[in-house]
Amino acid sequence: MTYPKKLIEVSLPLEAINAESAREKSIRHGHPSTLHLWWARRPLATARAVLWASLVDDPSSHPELFPTEEEQEQERKGLHELLAELVKWENSDNEALLSQARAEIAKYVAPWGGTRF
């Protein structure tokens, strides 16, 4: 049995994630990191990106839906754009964006809670 590759295994929009992580470290008001200054603080943007990308399948894992490399790359680009918006702290309560992110996860999760293989 082969398992589908996840987005995190194939590619990530690292520039967007790094930029948001760096910006997040300099926020001084309204962010959970301002409660306590921790010496090895990890940005929440990176954590959100890693978690979401590990739940979403890469388009190359579904050749029946995306038969050509161009279609796979186009779908991957759309996932990267969604992830770039998802890591922004301001979008933490954007219900439309969160619903879209949940829908991408649910595309490949079986109704009983397991992963479709």
PDB file of N, CA and C in Angstrom:
ATOM      1  N   MET A   1       0.842  -1.168   0.000  1.00  0.00           N
ATOM      2  CA  MET A   1       0.000   0.000   0.000  1.00  0.00           C
ATOM      3  C   MET A   1       0.894   1.239   0.000  1.00  0.00           C
ATOM      4  N   THR A   2       0.603   2.164  -0.877  1.00  0.00           N
ATOM      5  CA  THR A   2       1.344   3.417  -0.902  1.00  0.00           C
ATOM      6  C   THR A   2       0.502   4.505  -0.243  1.00  0.00           C
ATOM      7  N   TYR A   3       1.149   5.348   0.476  1.00  0.00           N
ATOM      8  CA  TYR A   3       0.485   6.436   1.165  1.00  0.00           C
ATOM      9  C   TYR A   3       0.639   7.721   0.366  1.00  0.00           C
ATOM     10  N   PRO A   4      -0.380   8.565   0.386  1.00  0.00           N
ATOM     11  CA  PRO A   4      -0.271   9.819  -0.370  1.00  0.00           C
ATOM     12  C   PRO A   4       0.741  10.761   0.277  1.00  0.00           C
ATOM     13  N   LYS A   5       1.478  11.445  -0.575  1.00  0.00           N
ATOM     14  CA  LYS A   5       2.416  12.438  -0.052  1.00  0.00           C
ATOM     15  C   LYS A   5       1.641  13.656   0.420  1.00  0.00           C
ATOM     16  N   LYS A   6       2.126  14.231   1.489  1.00  0.00           N
ATOM     17  CA  LYS A   6       1.531  15.445   2.032  1.00  0.00           C
ATOM     18  C   LYS A   6       2.239  16.652   1.445  1.00  0.00           C
ATOM     19  N   LEU A   7       1.589  17.780   1.516  1.00  0.00           N
ATOM     20  CA  LEU A   7       2.150  19.013   0.962  1.00  0.00           C
ATOM     21  C   LEU A   7       3.499  19.342   1.597  1.00  0.00           C
ATOM     22  N   ILE A   8       3.647  19.081   2.876  1.00  0.00           N
ATOM     23  CA  ILE A   8       4.890  19.394   3.583  1.00  0.00           C
ATOM     24  C   ILE A   8       6.068  18.570   3.037  1.00  0.00           C
ATOM     25  N   GLU A   9       5.784  17.414   2.460  1.00  0.00           N
ATOM     26  CA  GLU A   9       6.833  16.564   1.918  1.00  0.00           C
ATOM     27  C   GLU A   9       7.316  17.021   0.549  1.00  0.00           C
ATOM     28  N   VAL A  10       6.486  17.778  -0.146  1.00  0.00           N
ATOM     29  CA  VAL A  10       6.810  18.149  -1.525  1.00  0.00           C
ATOM     30  C   VAL A  10       7.296  19.589  -1.627  1.00  0.00           C
ATOM     31  N   SER A  11       6.513  20.523  -1.107  1.00  0.00           N
ATOM     32  CA  SER A  11       6.926  21.928  -1.197  1.00  0.00           C
ATOM     33  C   SER A  11       6.124  22.783  -0.226  1.00  0.00           C
ATOM     34  N   LEU A  12       6.745  23.861   0.186  1.00  0.00           N
ATOM     35  CA  LEU A  12       6.120  24.851   1.060  1.00  0.00           C
ATOM     36  C   LEU A  12       6.498  26.247   0.574  1.00  0.00           C
ATOM     37  N   PRO A  13       5.625  27.233   0.796  1.00  0.00           N
ATOM     38  CA  PRO A  13       5.981  28.615   0.454  1.00  0.00           C
ATOM     39  C   PRO A  13       6.855  29.213   1.563  1.00  0.00           C
ATOM     40  N   LEU A  14       8.111  28.817   1.580  1.00  0.00           N
ATOM     41  CA  LEU A  14       9.001  29.190   2.682  1.00  0.00           C
ATOM     42  C   LEU A  14       9.201  30.687   2.834  1.00  0.00           C
ATOM     43  N   GLU A  15       9.237  31.424   1.729  1.00  0.00           N
ATOM     44  CA  GLU A  15       9.444  32.866   1.826  1.00  0.00           C
ATOM     45  C   GLU A  15       8.308  33.520   2.613  1.00  0.00           C
ATOM     46  N   ALA A  16       7.075  33.120   2.315  1.00  0.00           N
ATOM     47  CA  ALA A  16       5.918  33.698   3.010  1.00  0.00           C
ATOM     48  C   ALA A  16       5.906  33.292   4.481  1.00  0.00           C
ATOM     49  N   ILE A  17       6.238  32.042   4.756  1.00  0.00           N
ATOM     50  CA  ILE A  17       6.252  31.564   6.142  1.00  0.00           C
ATOM     51  C   ILE A  17       7.346  32.261   6.931  1.00  0.00           C
ATOM     52  N   ASN A  18       8.535  32.372   6.360  1.00  0.00           N
ATOM     53  CA  ASN A  18       9.650  33.029   7.045  1.00  0.00           C
ATOM     54  C   ASN A  18       9.361  34.501   7.300  1.00  0.00           C
ATOM     55  N   ALA A  19       8.794  35.178   6.317  1.00  0.00           N
ATOM     56  CA  ALA A  19       8.492  36.605   6.482  1.00  0.00           C
ATOM     57  C   ALA A  19       7.463  36.820   7.590  1.00  0.00           C
ATOM     58  N   GLU A  20       6.443  35.986   7.615  1.00  0.00           N
ATOM     59  CA  GLU A  20       5.411  36.131   8.646  1.00  0.00           C
ATOM     60  C   GLU A  20       5.956  35.753  10.018  1.00  0.00           C
ATOM     61  N   SER A  21       6.812  34.745  10.084  1.00  0.00           N
ATOM     62  CA  SER A  21       7.411  34.356  11.366  1.00  0.00           C
ATOM     63  C   SER A  21       8.289  35.467  11.918  1.00  0.00           C
ATOM     64  N   ALA A  22       9.056  36.101  11.057  1.00  0.00           N
ATOM     65  CA  ALA A  22       9.910  37.205  11.495  1.00  0.00           C
ATOM     66  C   ALA A  22       9.069  38.392  11.949  1.00  0.00           C
ATOM     67  N   ARG A  23       8.011  38.695  11.215  1.00  0.00           N
ATOM     68  CA  ARG A  23       7.124  39.803  11.582  1.00  0.00           C
ATOM     69  C   ARG A  23       6.414  39.508  12.900  1.00  0.00           C
ATOM     70  N   GLU A  24       6.030  38.248  13.090  1.00  0.00           N
ATOM     71  CA  GLU A  24       5.319  37.855  14.303  1.00  0.00           C
ATOM     72  C   GLU A  24       6.176  38.039  15.553  1.00  0.00           C
ATOM     73  N   LYS A  25       7.481  37.871  15.426  1.00  0.00           N
ATOM     74  CA  LYS A  25       8.362  38.039  16.587  1.00  0.00           C
ATOM     75  C   LYS A  25       8.452  39.492  17.033  1.00  0.00           C
ATOM     76  N   SER A  26       8.105  40.431  16.150  1.00  0.00           N
ATOM     77  CA  SER A  26       8.224  41.839  16.505  1.00  0.00           C
ATOM     78  C   SER A  26       6.895  42.465  16.937  1.00  0.00           C
ATOM     79  N   ILE A  27       5.811  41.703  16.925  1.00  0.00           N
ATOM     80  CA  ILE A  27       4.522  42.225  17.373  1.00  0.00           C
ATOM     81  C   ILE A  27       4.579  42.428  18.880  1.00  0.00           C
ATOM     82  N   ARG A  28       4.187  43.596  19.335  1.00  0.00           N
ATOM     83  CA  ARG A  28       4.295  43.912  20.752  1.00  0.00           C
ATOM     84  C   ARG A  28       2.947  44.107  21.441  1.00  0.00           C
ATOM     85  N   HIS A  29       1.850  43.965  20.694  1.00  0.00           N
ATOM     86  CA  HIS A  29       0.548  44.200  21.318  1.00  0.00           C
ATOM     87  C   HIS A  29      -0.485  43.247  20.715  1.00  0.00           C
ATOM     88  N   GLY A  30      -1.239  42.575  21.578  1.00  0.00           N
ATOM     89  CA  GLY A  30      -2.333  41.745  21.118  1.00  0.00           C
ATOM     90  C   GLY A  30      -1.955  40.363  20.648  1.00  0.00           C
ATOM     91  N   HIS A  31      -0.765  39.929  20.903  1.00  0.00           N
ATOM     92  CA  HIS A  31      -0.298  38.620  20.465  1.00  0.00           C
ATOM     93  C   HIS A  31       0.023  37.785  21.701  1.00  0.00           C
ATOM     94  N   PRO A  32      -0.267  36.481  21.686  1.00  0.00           N
ATOM     95  CA  PRO A  32       0.003  35.662  22.870  1.00  0.00           C
ATOM     96  C   PRO A  32       1.464  35.681  23.320  1.00  0.00           C
ATOM     97  N   SER A  33       2.360  35.913  22.410  1.00  0.00           N
ATOM     98  CA  SER A  33       3.781  35.908  22.777  1.00  0.00           C
ATOM     99  C   SER A  33       4.157  37.078  23.673  1.00  0.00           C
ATOM    100  N   THR A  34       3.285  38.086  23.770  1.00  0.00           N
ATOM    101  CA  THR A  34       3.604  39.241  24.609  1.00  0.00           C
ATOM    102  C   THR A  34       3.293  38.989  26.086  1.00  0.00           C
ATOM    103  N   LEU A  35       2.631  37.889  26.400  1.00  0.00           N
ATOM    104  CA  LEU A  35       2.323  37.578  27.794  1.00  0.00           C
ATOM    105  C   LEU A  35       3.582  37.272  28.596  1.00  0.00           C
ATOM    106  N   HIS A  36       4.501  36.571  27.956  1.00  0.00           N
ATOM    107  CA  HIS A  36       5.727  36.182  28.644  1.00  0.00           C
ATOM    108  C   HIS A  36       6.843  36.094  27.608  1.00  0.00           C
ATOM    109  N   LEU A  37       7.943  36.744  27.868  1.00  0.00           N
ATOM    110  CA  LEU A  37       9.065  36.673  26.937  1.00  0.00           C
ATOM    111  C   LEU A  37       9.863  35.410  27.222  1.00  0.00           C
ATOM    112  N   TRP A  38       9.830  34.534  26.298  1.00  0.00           N
ATOM    113  CA  TRP A  38      10.496  33.245  26.416  1.00  0.00           C
ATOM    114  C   TRP A  38      11.726  33.268  25.531  1.00  0.00           C
ATOM    115  N   TRP A  39      12.837  32.768  26.004  1.00  0.00           N
ATOM    116  CA  TRP A  39      14.098  32.883  25.269  1.00  0.00           C
ATOM    117  C   TRP A  39      14.138  32.058  23.993  1.00  0.00           C
ATOM    118  N   ALA A  40      13.395  30.985  23.911  1.00  0.00           N
ATOM    119  CA  ALA A  40      13.402  30.155  22.698  1.00  0.00           C
ATOM    120  C   ALA A  40      12.003  30.086  22.094  1.00  0.00           C
ATOM    121  N   ARG A  41      11.376  31.220  21.982  1.00  0.00           N
ATOM    122  CA  ARG A  41      10.013  31.276  21.470  1.00  0.00           C
ATOM    123  C   ARG A  41       9.966  30.858  20.001  1.00  0.00           C
ATOM    124  N   ARG A  42       9.001  30.034  19.672  1.00  0.00           N
ATOM    125  CA  ARG A  42       8.798  29.605  18.293  1.00  0.00           C
ATOM    126  C   ARG A  42       7.581  30.334  17.732  1.00  0.00           C
ATOM    127  N   PRO A  43       7.720  30.904  16.567  1.00  0.00           N
ATOM    128  CA  PRO A  43       6.592  31.640  15.985  1.00  0.00           C
ATOM    129  C   PRO A  43       5.397  30.734  15.697  1.00  0.00           C
ATOM    130  N   LEU A  44       4.214  31.228  15.994  1.00  0.00           N
ATOM    131  CA  LEU A  44       2.999  30.471  15.732  1.00  0.00           C
ATOM    132  C   LEU A  44       2.760  30.289  14.243  1.00  0.00           C
ATOM    133  N   ALA A  45       3.240  31.212  13.419  1.00  0.00           N
ATOM    134  CA  ALA A  45       3.060  31.094  11.970  1.00  0.00           C
ATOM    135  C   ALA A  45       3.708  29.819  11.458  1.00  0.00           C
ATOM    136  N   THR A  46       4.879  29.505  11.942  1.00  0.00           N
ATOM    137  CA  THR A  46       5.569  28.291  11.516  1.00  0.00           C
ATOM    138  C   THR A  46       4.801  27.055  11.965  1.00  0.00           C
ATOM    139  N   ALA A  47       4.307  27.077  13.188  1.00  0.00           N
ATOM    140  CA  ALA A  47       3.546  25.940  13.700  1.00  0.00           C
ATOM    141  C   ALA A  47       2.271  25.730  12.890  1.00  0.00           C
ATOM    142  N   ARG A  48       1.556  26.815  12.583  1.00  0.00           N
ATOM    143  CA  ARG A  48       0.337  26.686  11.780  1.00  0.00           C
ATOM    144  C   ARG A  48       0.644  26.124  10.405  1.00  0.00           C
ATOM    145  N   ALA A  49       1.729  26.593   9.791  1.00  0.00           N
ATOM    146  CA  ALA A  49       2.095  26.129   8.452  1.00  0.00           C
ATOM    147  C   ALA A  49       2.446  24.646   8.456  1.00  0.00           C
ATOM    148  N   VAL A  50       3.228  24.231   9.422  1.00  0.00           N
ATOM    149  CA  VAL A  50       3.653  22.831   9.492  1.00  0.00           C
ATOM    150  C   VAL A  50       2.460  21.915   9.741  1.00  0.00           C
ATOM    151  N   LEU A  51       1.590  22.294  10.659  1.00  0.00           N
ATOM    152  CA  LEU A  51       0.432  21.454  10.964  1.00  0.00           C
ATOM    153  C   LEU A  51      -0.512  21.330   9.768  1.00  0.00           C
ATOM    154  N   TRP A  52      -0.836  22.436   9.144  1.00  0.00           N
ATOM    155  CA  TRP A  52      -1.770  22.386   8.026  1.00  0.00           C
ATOM    156  C   TRP A  52      -1.180  21.632   6.836  1.00  0.00           C
ATOM    157  N   ALA A  53       0.082  21.900   6.529  1.00  0.00           N
ATOM    158  CA  ALA A  53       0.712  21.245   5.384  1.00  0.00           C
ATOM    159  C   ALA A  53       0.912  19.750   5.615  1.00  0.00           C
ATOM    160  N   SER A  54       0.938  19.325   6.859  1.00  0.00           N
ATOM    161  CA  SER A  54       1.066  17.885   7.127  1.00  0.00           C
ATOM    162  C   SER A  54      -0.285  17.178   7.060  1.00  0.00           C
ATOM    163  N   LEU A  55      -1.375  17.920   7.008  1.00  0.00           N
ATOM    164  CA  LEU A  55      -2.711  17.329   6.902  1.00  0.00           C
ATOM    165  C   LEU A  55      -3.258  17.334   5.475  1.00  0.00           C
ATOM    166  N   VAL A  56      -2.712  18.191   4.623  1.00  0.00           N
ATOM    167  CA  VAL A  56      -3.215  18.344   3.257  1.00  0.00           C
ATOM    168  C   VAL A  56      -2.365  17.514   2.295  1.00  0.00           C
ATOM    169  N   ASP A  57      -3.033  16.753   1.444  1.00  0.00           N
ATOM    170  CA  ASP A  57      -2.318  15.954   0.443  1.00  0.00           C
ATOM    171  C   ASP A  57      -1.756  16.841  -0.655  1.00  0.00           C
ATOM    172  N   ASP A  58      -0.603  16.441  -1.167  1.00  0.00           N
ATOM    173  CA  ASP A  58      -0.031  17.123  -2.319  1.00  0.00           C
ATOM    174  C   ASP A  58      -0.817  16.703  -3.559  1.00  0.00           C
ATOM    175  N   PRO A  59      -1.023  17.592  -4.505  1.00  0.00           N
ATOM    176  CA  PRO A  59      -1.770  17.232  -5.719  1.00  0.00           C
ATOM    177  C   PRO A  59      -1.159  16.073  -6.505  1.00  0.00           C
ATOM    178  N   SER A  60       0.133  15.863  -6.416  1.00  0.00           N
ATOM    179  CA  SER A  60       0.762  14.762  -7.150  1.00  0.00           C
ATOM    180  C   SER A  60       0.336  13.398  -6.616  1.00  0.00           C
ATOM    181  N   SER A  61      -0.241  13.369  -5.423  1.00  0.00           N
ATOM    182  CA  SER A  61      -0.729  12.116  -4.848  1.00  0.00           C
ATOM    183  C   SER A  61      -2.066  11.689  -5.445  1.00  0.00           C
ATOM    184  N   HIS A  62      -2.658  12.560  -6.231  1.00  0.00           N
ATOM    185  CA  HIS A  62      -3.971  12.270  -6.806  1.00  0.00           C
ATOM    186  C   HIS A  62      -3.963  12.516  -8.315  1.00  0.00           C
ATOM    187  N   PRO A  63      -3.287  11.630  -9.057  1.00  0.00           N
ATOM    188  CA  PRO A  63      -3.226  11.813 -10.515  1.00  0.00           C
ATOM    189  C   PRO A  63      -4.580  11.673 -11.196  1.00  0.00           C
ATOM    190  N   GLU A  64      -5.541  11.052 -10.518  1.00  0.00           N
ATOM    191  CA  GLU A  64      -6.886  10.953 -11.100  1.00  0.00           C
ATOM    192  C   GLU A  64      -7.586  12.316 -11.106  1.00  0.00           C
ATOM    193  N   LEU A  65      -7.229  13.187 -10.176  1.00  0.00           N
ATOM    194  CA  LEU A  65      -7.805  14.533 -10.122  1.00  0.00           C
ATOM    195  C   LEU A  65      -6.961  15.551 -10.880  1.00  0.00           C
ATOM    196  N   PHE A  66      -5.647  15.372 -10.851  1.00  0.00           N
ATOM    197  CA  PHE A  66      -4.706  16.295 -11.487  1.00  0.00           C
ATOM    198  C   PHE A  66      -3.756  15.483 -12.361  1.00  0.00           C
ATOM    199  N   PRO A  67      -4.180  15.115 -13.576  1.00  0.00           N
ATOM    200  CA  PRO A  67      -3.400  14.184 -14.396  1.00  0.00           C
ATOM    201  C   PRO A  67      -2.083  14.741 -14.950  1.00  0.00           C
ATOM    202  N   THR A  68      -2.004  16.033 -15.203  1.00  0.00           N
ATOM    203  CA  THR A  68      -0.777  16.587 -15.775  1.00  0.00           C
ATOM    204  C   THR A  68       0.017  17.337 -14.718  1.00  0.00           C
ATOM    205  N   GLU A  69       1.289  17.492 -14.982  1.00  0.00           N
ATOM    206  CA  GLU A  69       2.139  18.236 -14.052  1.00  0.00           C
ATOM    207  C   GLU A  69       1.729  19.699 -13.962  1.00  0.00           C
ATOM    208  N   GLU A  70       1.236  20.244 -15.057  1.00  0.00           N
ATOM    209  CA  GLU A  70       0.773  21.637 -15.044  1.00  0.00           C
ATOM    210  C   GLU A  70      -0.417  21.813 -14.109  1.00  0.00           C
ATOM    211  N   GLU A  71      -1.357  20.860 -14.146  1.00  0.00           N
ATOM    212  CA  GLU A  71      -2.507  20.932 -13.256  1.00  0.00           C
ATOM    213  C   GLU A  71      -2.096  20.741 -11.796  1.00  0.00           C
ATOM    214  N   GLN A  72      -1.165  19.850 -11.568  1.00  0.00           N
ATOM    215  CA  GLN A  72      -0.655  19.637 -10.209  1.00  0.00           C
ATOM    216  C   GLN A  72       0.028  20.895  -9.698  1.00  0.00           C
ATOM    217  N   GLU A  73       0.826  21.518 -10.550  1.00  0.00           N
ATOM    218  CA  GLU A  73       1.530  22.740 -10.140  1.00  0.00           C
ATOM    219  C   GLU A  73       0.562  23.886  -9.892  1.00  0.00           C
ATOM    220  N   GLN A  74      -0.487  23.967 -10.699  1.00  0.00           N
ATOM    221  CA  GLN A  74      -1.488  25.015 -10.509  1.00  0.00           C
ATOM    222  C   GLN A  74      -2.230  24.807  -9.187  1.00  0.00           C
ATOM    223  N   GLU A  75      -2.602  23.574  -8.871  1.00  0.00           N
ATOM    224  CA  GLU A  75      -3.273  23.290  -7.602  1.00  0.00           C
ATOM    225  C   GLU A  75      -2.334  23.545  -6.423  1.00  0.00           C
ATOM    226  N   ARG A  76      -1.078  23.168  -6.575  1.00  0.00           N
ATOM    227  CA  ARG A  76      -0.081  23.388  -5.516  1.00  0.00           C
ATOM    228  C   ARG A  76       0.099  24.882  -5.275  1.00  0.00           C
ATOM    229  N   LYS A  77       0.086  25.674  -6.350  1.00  0.00           N
ATOM    230  CA  LYS A  77       0.212  27.128  -6.218  1.00  0.00           C
ATOM    231  C   LYS A  77      -0.973  27.690  -5.428  1.00  0.00           C
ATOM    232  N   GLY A  78      -2.177  27.175  -5.696  1.00  0.00           N
ATOM    233  CA  GLY A  78      -3.351  27.608  -4.947  1.00  0.00           C
ATOM    234  C   GLY A  78      -3.244  27.249  -3.467  1.00  0.00           C
ATOM    235  N   LEU A  79      -2.718  26.062  -3.174  1.00  0.00           N
ATOM    236  CA  LEU A  79      -2.514  25.653  -1.786  1.00  0.00           C
ATOM    237  C   LEU A  79      -1.478  26.541  -1.103  1.00  0.00           C
ATOM    238  N   HIS A  80      -0.427  26.915  -1.836  1.00  0.00           N
ATOM    239  CA  HIS A  80       0.599  27.800  -1.283  1.00  0.00           C
ATOM    240  C   HIS A  80       0.012  29.173  -0.962  1.00  0.00           C
ATOM    241  N   GLU A  81      -0.845  29.680  -1.849  1.00  0.00           N
ATOM    242  CA  GLU A  81      -1.474  30.982  -1.604  1.00  0.00           C
ATOM    243  C   GLU A  81      -2.374  30.926  -0.374  1.00  0.00           C
ATOM    244  N   LEU A  82      -3.113  29.836  -0.235  1.00  0.00           N
ATOM    245  CA  LEU A  82      -3.966  29.665   0.936  1.00  0.00           C
ATOM    246  C   LEU A  82      -3.123  29.590   2.206  1.00  0.00           C
ATOM    247  N   LEU A  83      -2.036  28.859   2.156  1.00  0.00           N
ATOM    248  CA  LEU A  83      -1.161  28.727   3.312  1.00  0.00           C
ATOM    249  C   LEU A  83      -0.507  30.057   3.672  1.00  0.00           C
ATOM    250  N   ALA A  84      -0.124  30.833   2.670  1.00  0.00           N
ATOM    251  CA  ALA A  84       0.484  32.139   2.927  1.00  0.00           C
ATOM    252  C   ALA A  84      -0.489  33.063   3.655  1.00  0.00           C
ATOM    253  N   GLU A  85      -1.774  32.952   3.363  1.00  0.00           N
ATOM    254  CA  GLU A  85      -2.777  33.745   4.079  1.00  0.00           C
ATOM    255  C   GLU A  85      -3.077  33.156   5.453  1.00  0.00           C
ATOM    256  N   LEU A  86      -3.031  31.846   5.545  1.00  0.00           N
ATOM    257  CA  LEU A  86      -3.359  31.154   6.788  1.00  0.00           C
ATOM    258  C   LEU A  86      -2.350  31.441   7.899  1.00  0.00           C
ATOM    259  N   VAL A  87      -1.090  31.672   7.562  1.00  0.00           N
ATOM    260  CA  VAL A  87      -0.070  31.879   8.592  1.00  0.00           C
ATOM    261  C   VAL A  87      -0.079  33.291   9.178  1.00  0.00           C
ATOM    262  N   LYS A  88      -0.807  34.199   8.573  1.00  0.00           N
ATOM    263  CA  LYS A  88      -0.848  35.574   9.089  1.00  0.00           C
ATOM    264  C   LYS A  88      -1.670  35.635  10.365  1.00  0.00           C
ATOM    265  N   TRP A  89      -1.124  36.285  11.381  1.00  0.00           N
ATOM    266  CA  TRP A  89      -1.796  36.383  12.672  1.00  0.00           C
ATOM    267  C   TRP A  89      -3.152  37.078  12.550  1.00  0.00           C
ATOM    268  N   GLU A  90      -3.261  38.064  11.691  1.00  0.00           N
ATOM    269  CA  GLU A  90      -4.503  38.799  11.519  1.00  0.00           C
ATOM    270  C   GLU A  90      -5.626  37.898  11.013  1.00  0.00           C
ATOM    271  N   ASN A  91      -5.282  36.803  10.361  1.00  0.00           N
ATOM    272  CA  ASN A  91      -6.285  35.897   9.812  1.00  0.00           C
ATOM    273  C   ASN A  91      -6.650  34.757  10.759  1.00  0.00           C
ATOM    274  N   SER A  92      -6.209  34.825  11.994  1.00  0.00           N
ATOM    275  CA  SER A  92      -6.485  33.756  12.953  1.00  0.00           C
ATOM    276  C   SER A  92      -7.973  33.588  13.232  1.00  0.00           C
ATOM    277  N   ASP A  93      -8.748  34.649  13.057  1.00  0.00           N
ATOM    278  CA  ASP A  93     -10.184  34.555  13.292  1.00  0.00           C
ATOM    279  C   ASP A  93     -11.003  34.830  12.028  1.00  0.00           C
ATOM    280  N   ASN A  94     -10.368  34.727  10.877  1.00  0.00           N
ATOM    281  CA  ASN A  94     -11.049  34.911   9.594  1.00  0.00           C
ATOM    282  C   ASN A  94     -11.785  33.611   9.261  1.00  0.00           C
ATOM    283  N   GLU A  95     -13.076  33.569   9.545  1.00  0.00           N
ATOM    284  CA  GLU A  95     -13.838  32.327   9.413  1.00  0.00           C
ATOM    285  C   GLU A  95     -13.900  31.830   7.974  1.00  0.00           C
ATOM    286  N   ALA A  96     -13.961  32.730   7.015  1.00  0.00           N
ATOM    287  CA  ALA A  96     -14.003  32.309   5.609  1.00  0.00           C
ATOM    288  C   ALA A  96     -12.712  31.585   5.225  1.00  0.00           C
ATOM    289  N   LEU A  97     -11.588  32.139   5.642  1.00  0.00           N
ATOM    290  CA  LEU A  97     -10.292  31.515   5.350  1.00  0.00           C
ATOM    291  C   LEU A  97     -10.139  30.189   6.093  1.00  0.00           C
ATOM    292  N   LEU A  98     -10.550  30.157   7.350  1.00  0.00           N
ATOM    293  CA  LEU A  98     -10.464  28.920   8.125  1.00  0.00           C
ATOM    294  C   LEU A  98     -11.375  27.837   7.548  1.00  0.00           C
ATOM    295  N   SER A  99     -12.527  28.215   7.051  1.00  0.00           N
ATOM    296  CA  SER A  99     -13.425  27.243   6.412  1.00  0.00           C
ATOM    297  C   SER A  99     -12.800  26.671   5.149  1.00  0.00           C
ATOM    298  N   GLN A 100     -12.141  27.521   4.398  1.00  0.00           N
ATOM    299  CA  GLN A 100     -11.452  27.069   3.186  1.00  0.00           C
ATOM    300  C   GLN A 100     -10.314  26.115   3.547  1.00  0.00           C
ATOM    301  N   ALA A 101      -9.573  26.429   4.602  1.00  0.00           N
ATOM    302  CA  ALA A 101      -8.482  25.554   5.044  1.00  0.00           C
ATOM    303  C   ALA A 101      -9.021  24.221   5.539  1.00  0.00           C
ATOM    304  N   ARG A 102     -10.128  24.252   6.284  1.00  0.00           N
ATOM    305  CA  ARG A 102     -10.758  23.006   6.745  1.00  0.00           C
ATOM    306  C   ARG A 102     -11.252  22.169   5.576  1.00  0.00           C
ATOM    307  N   ALA A 103     -11.780  22.820   4.555  1.00  0.00           N
ATOM    308  CA  ALA A 103     -12.279  22.104   3.382  1.00  0.00           C
ATOM    309  C   ALA A 103     -11.151  21.382   2.656  1.00  0.00           C
ATOM    310  N   GLU A 104      -9.984  22.006   2.586  1.00  0.00           N
ATOM    311  CA  GLU A 104      -8.831  21.354   1.944  1.00  0.00           C
ATOM    312  C   GLU A 104      -8.403  20.116   2.722  1.00  0.00           C
ATOM    313  N   ILE A 105      -8.451  20.198   4.035  1.00  0.00           N
ATOM    314  CA  ILE A 105      -8.106  19.040   4.866  1.00  0.00           C
ATOM    315  C   ILE A 105      -9.152  17.947   4.664  1.00  0.00           C
ATOM    316  N   ALA A 106     -10.416  18.333   4.661  1.00  0.00           N
ATOM    317  CA  ALA A 106     -11.505  17.361   4.577  1.00  0.00           C
ATOM    318  C   ALA A 106     -11.597  16.676   3.214  1.00  0.00           C
ATOM    319  N   LYS A 107     -10.999  17.246   2.178  1.00  0.00           N
ATOM    320  CA  LYS A 107     -11.048  16.635   0.852  1.00  0.00           C
ATOM    321  C   LYS A 107     -10.525  15.209   0.864  1.00  0.00           C
ATOM    322  N   TYR A 108      -9.526  14.957   1.681  1.00  0.00           N
ATOM    323  CA  TYR A 108      -8.838  13.674   1.637  1.00  0.00           C
ATOM    324  C   TYR A 108      -8.960  12.889   2.932  1.00  0.00           C
ATOM    325  N   VAL A 109      -9.882  13.294   3.789  1.00  0.00           N
ATOM    326  CA  VAL A 109     -10.106  12.565   5.028  1.00  0.00           C
ATOM    327  C   VAL A 109     -11.421  11.815   4.885  1.00  0.00           C
ATOM    328  N   ALA A 110     -11.404  10.542   5.206  1.00  0.00           N
ATOM    329  CA  ALA A 110     -12.604   9.720   5.084  1.00  0.00           C
ATOM    330  C   ALA A 110     -13.656  10.150   6.106  1.00  0.00           C
ATOM    331  N   PRO A 111     -14.921   9.896   5.837  1.00  0.00           N
ATOM    332  CA  PRO A 111     -15.990  10.310   6.754  1.00  0.00           C
ATOM    333  C   PRO A 111     -15.864   9.718   8.152  1.00  0.00           C
ATOM    334  N   TRP A 112     -15.209   8.578   8.278  1.00  0.00           N
ATOM    335  CA  TRP A 112     -15.076   7.948   9.595  1.00  0.00           C
ATOM    336  C   TRP A 112     -13.881   8.477  10.370  1.00  0.00           C
ATOM    337  N   GLY A 113     -13.183   9.455   9.838  1.00  0.00           N
ATOM    338  CA  GLY A 113     -12.100  10.090  10.569  1.00  0.00           C
ATOM    339  C   GLY A 113     -10.719   9.639  10.156  1.00  0.00           C
ATOM    340  N   GLY A 114     -10.612   8.616   9.358  1.00  0.00           N
ATOM    341  CA  GLY A 114      -9.314   8.152   8.909  1.00  0.00           C
ATOM    342  C   GLY A 114      -8.909   8.817   7.613  1.00  0.00           C
ATOM    343  N   THR A 115      -7.705   8.575   7.182  1.00  0.00           N
ATOM    344  CA  THR A 115      -7.217   9.128   5.927  1.00  0.00           C
ATOM    345  C   THR A 115      -7.588   8.195   4.791  1.00  0.00           C
ATOM    346  N   ARG A 116      -8.000   8.754   3.680  1.00  0.00           N
ATOM    347  CA  ARG A 116      -8.282   7.945   2.499  1.00  0.00           C
ATOM    348  C   ARG A 116      -6.971   7.592   1.829  1.00  0.00           C
ATOM    349  N   PHE A 117      -6.747   6.326   1.647  1.00  0.00           N
ATOM    350  CA  PHE A 117      -5.520   5.883   0.967  1.00  0.00           C
ATOM    351  C   PHE A 117      -5.856   5.211  -0.322  1.00  0.00           C
TER     352      PHE A 117
END
